[in-house]
Each structure stands twice: as structure tokens, then as C-alpha cells.
N, C-alpha and C. Protein backbone atom coordinates (compact mmCIF):
# COMPACT_ATOMS: atom_id res chain seq x y z
N MET A 1 15.30 0.88 -11.35
CA MET A 1 13.98 0.34 -10.22
C MET A 1 14.37 -0.47 -9.35
N ILE A 2 15.17 -1.34 -9.56
CA ILE A 2 15.50 -2.60 -8.72
C ILE A 2 15.77 -2.09 -7.77
N ASN A 3 16.76 -0.94 -7.21
CA ASN A 3 16.99 0.08 -6.12
C ASN A 3 15.87 0.47 -5.00
N GLN A 4 14.96 1.16 -6.37
CA GLN A 4 13.45 1.40 -5.43
C GLN A 4 12.90 0.54 -5.01
N ILE A 5 12.66 -0.55 -5.28
CA ILE A 5 12.05 -1.50 -4.71
C ILE A 5 12.59 -1.93 -3.42
N LYS A 6 13.64 -2.09 -4.24
CA LYS A 6 14.83 -3.02 -2.39
C LYS A 6 14.97 -1.89 -1.25
N LYS A 7 14.45 -0.92 -1.63
CA LYS A 7 14.00 0.58 -0.48
C LYS A 7 13.21 -0.11 0.00
N THR A 8 12.00 -0.05 -0.59
CA THR A 8 10.37 -0.43 0.02
C THR A 8 10.77 -1.58 0.77
N ILE A 9 11.31 -2.89 0.24
CA ILE A 9 11.82 -3.85 1.19
C ILE A 9 12.37 -3.42 2.42
N GLU A 10 13.45 -2.61 2.09
CA GLU A 10 14.14 -2.61 3.16
C GLU A 10 13.22 -1.87 4.57
N THR A 11 12.67 -0.78 3.77
CA THR A 11 11.84 -0.34 5.00
C THR A 11 11.12 -0.85 5.66
N TYR A 12 10.12 -2.09 5.06
CA TYR A 12 9.09 -2.66 5.21
C TYR A 12 9.45 -3.77 6.44
N VAL A 13 11.03 -4.35 6.23
CA VAL A 13 11.55 -4.96 7.04
C VAL A 13 12.22 -4.09 8.52
N ASP A 14 12.23 -3.05 8.48
CA ASP A 14 12.70 -2.14 9.37
C ASP A 14 11.52 -2.06 10.17
N GLY A 15 10.37 -1.57 9.78
CA GLY A 15 9.30 -1.49 10.09
C GLY A 15 8.88 -2.84 11.31
N TYR A 16 9.12 -4.10 10.34
CA TYR A 16 8.37 -5.30 10.89
C TYR A 16 9.75 -5.78 12.13
N LEU A 17 11.25 -5.52 11.86
CA LEU A 17 11.63 -5.84 13.18
C LEU A 17 11.60 -4.92 14.22
N ASN A 18 11.47 -3.51 14.41
CA ASN A 18 11.53 -2.75 14.95
C ASN A 18 9.67 -2.28 15.53
N ALA A 19 8.94 -3.23 15.27
CA ALA A 19 7.49 -3.03 15.22
C ALA A 19 7.34 -1.14 15.57
N GLU A 20 7.40 -0.56 14.09
CA GLU A 20 7.58 0.86 13.50
C GLU A 20 6.08 0.82 12.52
N LYS A 21 5.01 1.06 13.37
CA LYS A 21 3.76 0.48 12.13
C LYS A 21 4.21 1.42 11.11
N GLY A 22 4.33 3.24 11.34
CA GLY A 22 4.77 4.20 10.41
C GLY A 22 5.11 3.46 9.06
N LEU A 23 6.50 2.81 9.61
CA LEU A 23 7.14 2.17 8.33
C LEU A 23 6.25 1.21 7.52
N VAL A 24 6.06 0.44 8.32
CA VAL A 24 5.14 -0.95 7.66
C VAL A 24 3.71 0.00 6.52
N THR A 25 3.06 0.87 7.33
CA THR A 25 1.87 1.43 6.39
C THR A 25 2.70 2.55 5.27
N GLU A 26 3.73 2.81 5.31
CA GLU A 26 4.47 3.28 4.05
C GLU A 26 4.66 2.32 2.96
N THR A 27 4.79 1.26 3.46
CA THR A 27 5.01 0.37 2.09
C THR A 27 4.11 -0.45 1.77
N PHE A 28 2.58 -0.89 2.61
CA PHE A 28 2.06 -1.51 2.38
C PHE A 28 0.93 -0.87 1.72
N TYR A 29 -0.07 -1.29 0.64
CA TYR A 29 -1.06 -0.72 0.49
C TYR A 29 -2.23 -0.92 1.69
N HIS A 30 -3.18 0.10 1.85
CA HIS A 30 -3.70 0.15 3.15
C HIS A 30 -4.64 -1.47 3.64
N GLU A 31 -5.05 -2.11 2.10
CA GLU A 31 -6.21 -2.93 2.15
C GLU A 31 -5.16 -4.26 2.04
N THR A 32 -3.89 -4.70 1.51
CA THR A 32 -3.42 -5.76 2.02
C THR A 32 -3.82 -6.68 2.17
N LYS A 33 -3.31 -8.17 2.56
CA LYS A 33 -3.99 -9.52 3.04
C LYS A 33 -3.03 -10.12 2.87
N LEU A 34 -2.32 -10.53 4.44
CA LEU A 34 -1.82 -11.50 4.41
C LEU A 34 -1.97 -13.26 4.41
N TYR A 35 -1.25 -13.99 3.59
CA TYR A 35 -2.16 -15.36 3.46
C TYR A 35 -0.53 -16.18 3.77
N SER A 36 -1.06 -17.70 4.61
CA SER A 36 -0.33 -18.21 5.01
C SER A 36 -0.74 -19.85 4.83
N VAL A 37 -0.24 -20.91 5.09
CA VAL A 37 -0.86 -21.86 5.70
C VAL A 37 -0.74 -22.14 6.91
N GLU A 38 -1.11 -22.34 8.04
CA GLU A 38 -2.10 -22.90 9.20
C GLU A 38 -2.24 -23.90 9.58
N GLU A 39 -2.09 -25.18 9.80
CA GLU A 39 -2.59 -26.61 10.18
C GLU A 39 -3.03 -26.89 8.54
N GLY A 40 -2.37 -26.52 7.64
CA GLY A 40 -3.13 -27.29 6.43
C GLY A 40 -4.39 -26.31 5.14
N LYS A 41 -4.81 -24.99 6.73
CA LYS A 41 -5.61 -24.26 6.03
C LYS A 41 -5.00 -22.48 5.64
N ILE A 42 -5.60 -22.67 4.63
CA ILE A 42 -5.37 -20.49 4.27
C ILE A 42 -5.36 -20.00 5.86
N ASP A 43 -4.56 -19.37 6.23
CA ASP A 43 -4.63 -18.44 7.05
C ASP A 43 -4.58 -16.75 6.49
N LYS A 44 -5.35 -16.23 6.90
CA LYS A 44 -5.58 -14.64 6.18
C LYS A 44 -5.22 -14.05 7.09
N THR A 45 -4.89 -12.67 7.41
CA THR A 45 -4.21 -11.66 8.23
C THR A 45 -4.84 -10.44 7.70
N GLU A 46 -5.94 -9.90 8.08
CA GLU A 46 -5.89 -8.15 7.65
C GLU A 46 -5.08 -7.44 8.10
N MET A 47 -4.83 -6.50 7.43
CA MET A 47 -3.71 -4.79 7.59
C MET A 47 -4.43 -4.42 8.91
N LYS A 48 -5.37 -4.08 9.49
CA LYS A 48 -5.60 -3.55 10.69
C LYS A 48 -5.07 -4.70 11.80
N ASP A 49 -5.17 -5.93 11.97
CA ASP A 49 -5.13 -6.52 12.63
C ASP A 49 -3.20 -7.08 12.65
N TRP A 50 -2.73 -6.63 11.34
CA TRP A 50 -1.19 -6.67 11.58
C TRP A 50 -0.65 -5.71 12.11
N ILE A 51 -0.99 -4.66 12.07
CA ILE A 51 -0.86 -3.48 12.03
C ILE A 51 -1.08 -3.36 14.12
N ASN A 52 -2.30 -3.57 14.00
CA ASN A 52 -2.38 -4.01 15.91
C ASN A 52 -1.40 -4.71 16.61
N ASN A 53 -1.02 -6.07 16.05
CA ASN A 53 -0.26 -6.82 16.52
C ASN A 53 1.55 -6.45 16.71
N LEU A 54 1.80 -5.45 15.22
CA LEU A 54 2.88 -4.49 15.91
C LEU A 54 2.91 -3.21 16.91
N GLU A 55 1.82 -3.05 17.28
CA GLU A 55 1.81 -1.89 18.32
C GLU A 55 1.84 -2.62 19.74
N ASP A 56 1.25 -3.63 19.95
CA ASP A 56 1.44 -4.46 20.75
C ASP A 56 2.67 -4.96 21.33
N ARG A 57 3.37 -5.46 20.15
CA ARG A 57 4.92 -5.78 20.22
C ARG A 57 5.63 -4.54 20.44
N LYS A 58 5.54 -3.31 20.14
CA LYS A 58 6.27 -2.15 20.58
C LYS A 58 6.01 -1.98 21.70
N THR A 59 4.62 -1.78 22.09
CA THR A 59 4.21 -1.41 23.86
C THR A 59 5.48 -2.59 24.20
N LYS A 60 5.41 -3.91 24.08
CA LYS A 60 6.12 -4.78 25.25
C LYS A 60 7.96 -4.34 24.96
N GLY A 61 8.13 -4.05 23.74
CA GLY A 61 9.69 -3.56 23.73
C GLY A 61 9.83 -4.96 23.28
N ASP A 62 9.08 -5.84 22.03
CA ASP A 62 9.19 -6.55 21.55
C ASP A 62 10.14 -6.79 19.98
N ILE A 63 11.58 -6.67 20.25
CA ILE A 63 12.52 -5.77 18.86
C ILE A 63 12.83 -7.20 18.51
N ARG A 64 12.84 -7.21 17.13
CA ARG A 64 13.45 -8.33 17.05
C ARG A 64 14.73 -8.51 15.72
N LYS A 65 15.41 -9.53 15.21
CA LYS A 65 16.97 -8.75 14.94
C LYS A 65 16.72 -10.13 13.90
N ALA A 66 17.12 -10.17 12.30
CA ALA A 66 16.68 -10.76 11.40
C ALA A 66 17.87 -10.23 10.08
N LYS A 67 18.62 -11.25 9.52
CA LYS A 67 19.07 -11.09 8.27
C LYS A 67 18.08 -11.61 7.40
N LEU A 68 18.76 -10.17 6.68
CA LEU A 68 17.01 -9.88 5.39
C LEU A 68 18.28 -10.62 3.92
N GLU A 69 17.43 -11.50 3.25
CA GLU A 69 18.18 -12.33 1.80
C GLU A 69 17.67 -11.77 0.86
N PHE A 70 17.70 -10.86 -0.27
CA PHE A 70 16.95 -10.81 -1.35
C PHE A 70 16.72 -12.08 -2.39
N GLY A 71 15.73 -13.18 -3.03
CA GLY A 71 16.23 -13.77 -3.67
C GLY A 71 15.52 -12.84 -4.85
N LEU A 72 14.50 -13.91 -6.02
CA LEU A 72 13.84 -13.62 -6.89
C LEU A 72 13.42 -11.75 -6.87
N ILE A 73 13.55 -11.23 -7.93
CA ILE A 73 12.97 -9.84 -7.89
C ILE A 73 12.56 -9.86 -9.51
N ASP A 74 11.05 -9.94 -9.86
CA ASP A 74 11.27 -9.92 -10.70
C ASP A 74 10.07 -8.55 -11.47
N ILE A 75 10.54 -7.81 -12.60
CA ILE A 75 9.81 -6.30 -12.72
C ILE A 75 9.12 -6.76 -14.19
N THR A 76 8.17 -6.00 -14.34
CA THR A 76 7.25 -5.89 -15.43
C THR A 76 6.74 -4.62 -15.56
N GLU A 77 7.30 -3.67 -16.05
CA GLU A 77 6.58 -2.01 -16.15
C GLU A 77 6.55 -1.66 -14.65
N LYS A 78 5.08 -1.77 -14.36
CA LYS A 78 4.63 -1.07 -13.09
C LYS A 78 4.25 -1.97 -12.10
N THR A 79 4.73 -3.48 -12.50
CA THR A 79 4.34 -4.27 -11.52
C THR A 79 5.91 -5.28 -10.88
N ALA A 80 6.03 -5.94 -10.27
CA ALA A 80 7.23 -6.71 -9.50
C ALA A 80 6.81 -7.55 -8.36
N VAL A 81 7.65 -8.61 -8.40
CA VAL A 81 7.39 -9.66 -7.32
C VAL A 81 8.41 -9.79 -6.99
N VAL A 82 8.46 -10.04 -5.55
CA VAL A 82 9.97 -10.38 -4.80
C VAL A 82 9.69 -11.07 -3.94
N LYS A 83 11.17 -12.34 -3.81
CA LYS A 83 11.10 -13.30 -2.85
C LYS A 83 12.35 -12.32 -2.09
N ILE A 84 11.89 -12.69 -0.83
CA ILE A 84 13.01 -12.28 0.28
C ILE A 84 12.83 -13.39 1.43
N ILE A 85 13.68 -13.32 2.57
CA ILE A 85 14.05 -14.30 3.33
C ILE A 85 14.19 -13.86 4.60
N LEU A 86 13.88 -13.66 5.62
CA LEU A 86 14.04 -13.27 7.23
C LEU A 86 14.69 -14.01 7.92
N LYS A 87 16.02 -14.80 7.59
CA LYS A 87 16.41 -15.31 8.60
C LYS A 87 16.63 -15.00 10.41
N PHE A 88 16.07 -15.43 11.03
CA PHE A 88 15.97 -15.57 12.16
C PHE A 88 16.60 -16.43 13.04
N GLU A 89 16.90 -16.60 14.48
CA GLU A 89 17.98 -17.12 14.97
C GLU A 89 17.46 -18.67 14.72
N LYS A 90 16.31 -18.99 15.45
CA LYS A 90 15.68 -19.97 15.35
C LYS A 90 14.42 -20.46 14.27
N ARG A 91 14.01 -19.91 13.02
CA ARG A 91 13.46 -19.95 12.34
C ARG A 91 13.59 -18.60 11.13
N SER A 92 13.32 -19.37 9.84
CA SER A 92 12.88 -18.09 8.89
C SER A 92 11.83 -18.07 7.91
N PHE A 93 11.32 -16.76 7.88
CA PHE A 93 10.09 -16.72 7.17
C PHE A 93 10.46 -15.94 5.62
N THR A 94 9.67 -16.76 5.16
CA THR A 94 10.01 -16.34 3.06
C THR A 94 8.39 -15.89 2.62
N ASP A 95 8.61 -14.32 2.24
CA ASP A 95 8.02 -13.98 2.02
C ASP A 95 7.74 -13.30 0.02
N TYR A 96 6.39 -13.48 -0.32
CA TYR A 96 6.79 -13.12 -1.37
C TYR A 96 5.66 -12.60 -1.66
N LEU A 97 6.03 -10.99 -1.74
CA LEU A 97 5.60 -9.65 -2.21
C LEU A 97 5.61 -9.56 -3.44
N SER A 98 3.92 -8.58 -3.93
CA SER A 98 3.53 -8.12 -5.22
C SER A 98 3.59 -6.65 -4.75
N LEU A 99 4.13 -5.89 -5.92
CA LEU A 99 4.33 -4.56 -5.49
C LEU A 99 3.60 -3.90 -6.98
N LEU A 100 3.19 -2.48 -6.98
CA LEU A 100 2.53 -2.31 -7.54
C LEU A 100 3.29 -0.49 -7.91
N TYR A 101 3.42 0.04 -8.55
CA TYR A 101 4.24 1.26 -9.06
C TYR A 101 3.33 2.44 -9.18
N ILE A 102 2.93 3.04 -8.30
CA ILE A 102 2.00 4.20 -8.57
C ILE A 102 2.35 5.94 -7.80
N GLU A 103 2.41 6.57 -8.74
CA GLU A 103 2.80 7.70 -8.89
C GLU A 103 4.15 8.31 -8.11
N GLY A 104 5.22 7.33 -8.89
CA GLY A 104 6.76 7.09 -8.71
C GLY A 104 6.93 6.38 -7.00
N VAL A 105 5.97 5.74 -6.80
CA VAL A 105 6.19 5.34 -5.76
C VAL A 105 6.02 3.59 -5.96
N TRP A 106 6.97 2.17 -5.01
CA TRP A 106 6.50 1.02 -5.05
C TRP A 106 6.36 0.36 -4.13
N ILE A 107 5.03 0.05 -4.01
CA ILE A 107 3.90 0.02 -2.78
C ILE A 107 3.31 -1.50 -2.41
N ILE A 108 3.75 -2.15 -1.56
CA ILE A 108 2.88 -3.44 -1.74
C ILE A 108 1.96 -3.94 -1.36
N VAL A 109 1.32 -4.72 -2.43
CA VAL A 109 0.00 -4.95 -2.38
C VAL A 109 0.15 -6.10 -2.17
N GLY A 110 0.22 -6.85 -1.55
CA GLY A 110 0.05 -8.94 -2.22
C GLY A 110 0.98 -9.04 -1.01
N LYS A 111 1.17 -10.31 0.01
CA LYS A 111 1.64 -11.09 0.57
C LYS A 111 1.26 -12.53 1.29
N ILE A 112 2.53 -13.50 0.45
CA ILE A 112 2.20 -14.70 1.03
C ILE A 112 3.33 -14.94 1.79
N TYR A 113 3.01 -15.85 2.45
CA TYR A 113 4.22 -15.78 3.62
C TYR A 113 4.60 -17.42 4.06
N SER A 114 5.86 -18.12 4.42
CA SER A 114 5.90 -19.33 5.12
C SER A 114 7.04 -19.32 6.21
N ILE A 115 6.91 -20.08 7.32
CA ILE A 115 7.83 -19.93 8.50
C ILE A 115 8.18 -21.84 8.23
N GLU A 116 10.16 -21.14 8.35
CA GLU A 116 10.45 -22.96 9.02
C GLU A 116 11.32 -23.13 10.11
N GLU A 117 11.09 -23.74 10.58
CA GLU A 117 11.60 -23.78 12.14
C GLU A 117 13.42 -24.57 11.47
N LEU A 118 14.05 -23.94 12.36
CA LEU A 118 15.51 -23.87 12.04
C LEU A 118 16.11 -24.67 12.82
N ILE A 119 16.84 -26.02 12.81
CA ILE A 119 17.02 -26.54 13.59
C ILE A 119 18.97 -26.15 13.73
N THR A 120 18.75 -26.01 15.49
CA THR A 120 20.05 -25.26 15.63
C THR A 120 20.66 -27.00 16.33
């Protein structure tokens, strides 16, 4: 099960970094929302808006490079929570992802994240 979950996450990250909307939509439930804190308030991004952003990045050739690190992976039957860290040159993103096992596939149904500026 862990390998299936990691594969889902790796596919999502590959899609995000390379601005490949097909890979992201393959791994996320279409009604997923992304949450973070921006200036002390909850910032919510709808899936359609995130996909539009990926399409814009693809058009601009905005391909990114980051190192993926897995943190916590907690599985209970058909549910899982995964912490990942994407380390870029000047910042890191920490994602907490909620997944459900549906019809033989792990799919991301929730994402909260934070961004940390790195001191270089």
C-alpha cells in the first residue's frame, strides 16, 4: 500500500513541477481544495483555478526543479495522510495530503500546505 501511495504522490509532484495538468488531475479528486495561510488568513484555492495556473505555467515554459522528501505516511485501511516536503533552491513547500482508496486507486482529496523561504 505504501508503494501505491508514494506512486500517487510522485505522479502529483511530477505533474506539478512540469506543469502537466493531466498528471495532477489523475491524482486529485476534482473537487479538492488547497488551503494555506496567507497574511494571517486562510487562503483557499479551487482545483479549477490551480489547474488554470498549471496551464499558464506550461504555456510560459515554467518548469520547476525540486527535491521530494517523504515525511509521515499514516494509513488506516482505505484512508491515508502523507506529509511531503518539496525543497526548491530558495524555498520549501510542506504539503499535508489526505488520500482515499477508491476502486483500487489512491486519490488525493485534501491538501493543506505552507511555504518557507530558505536562507541561502
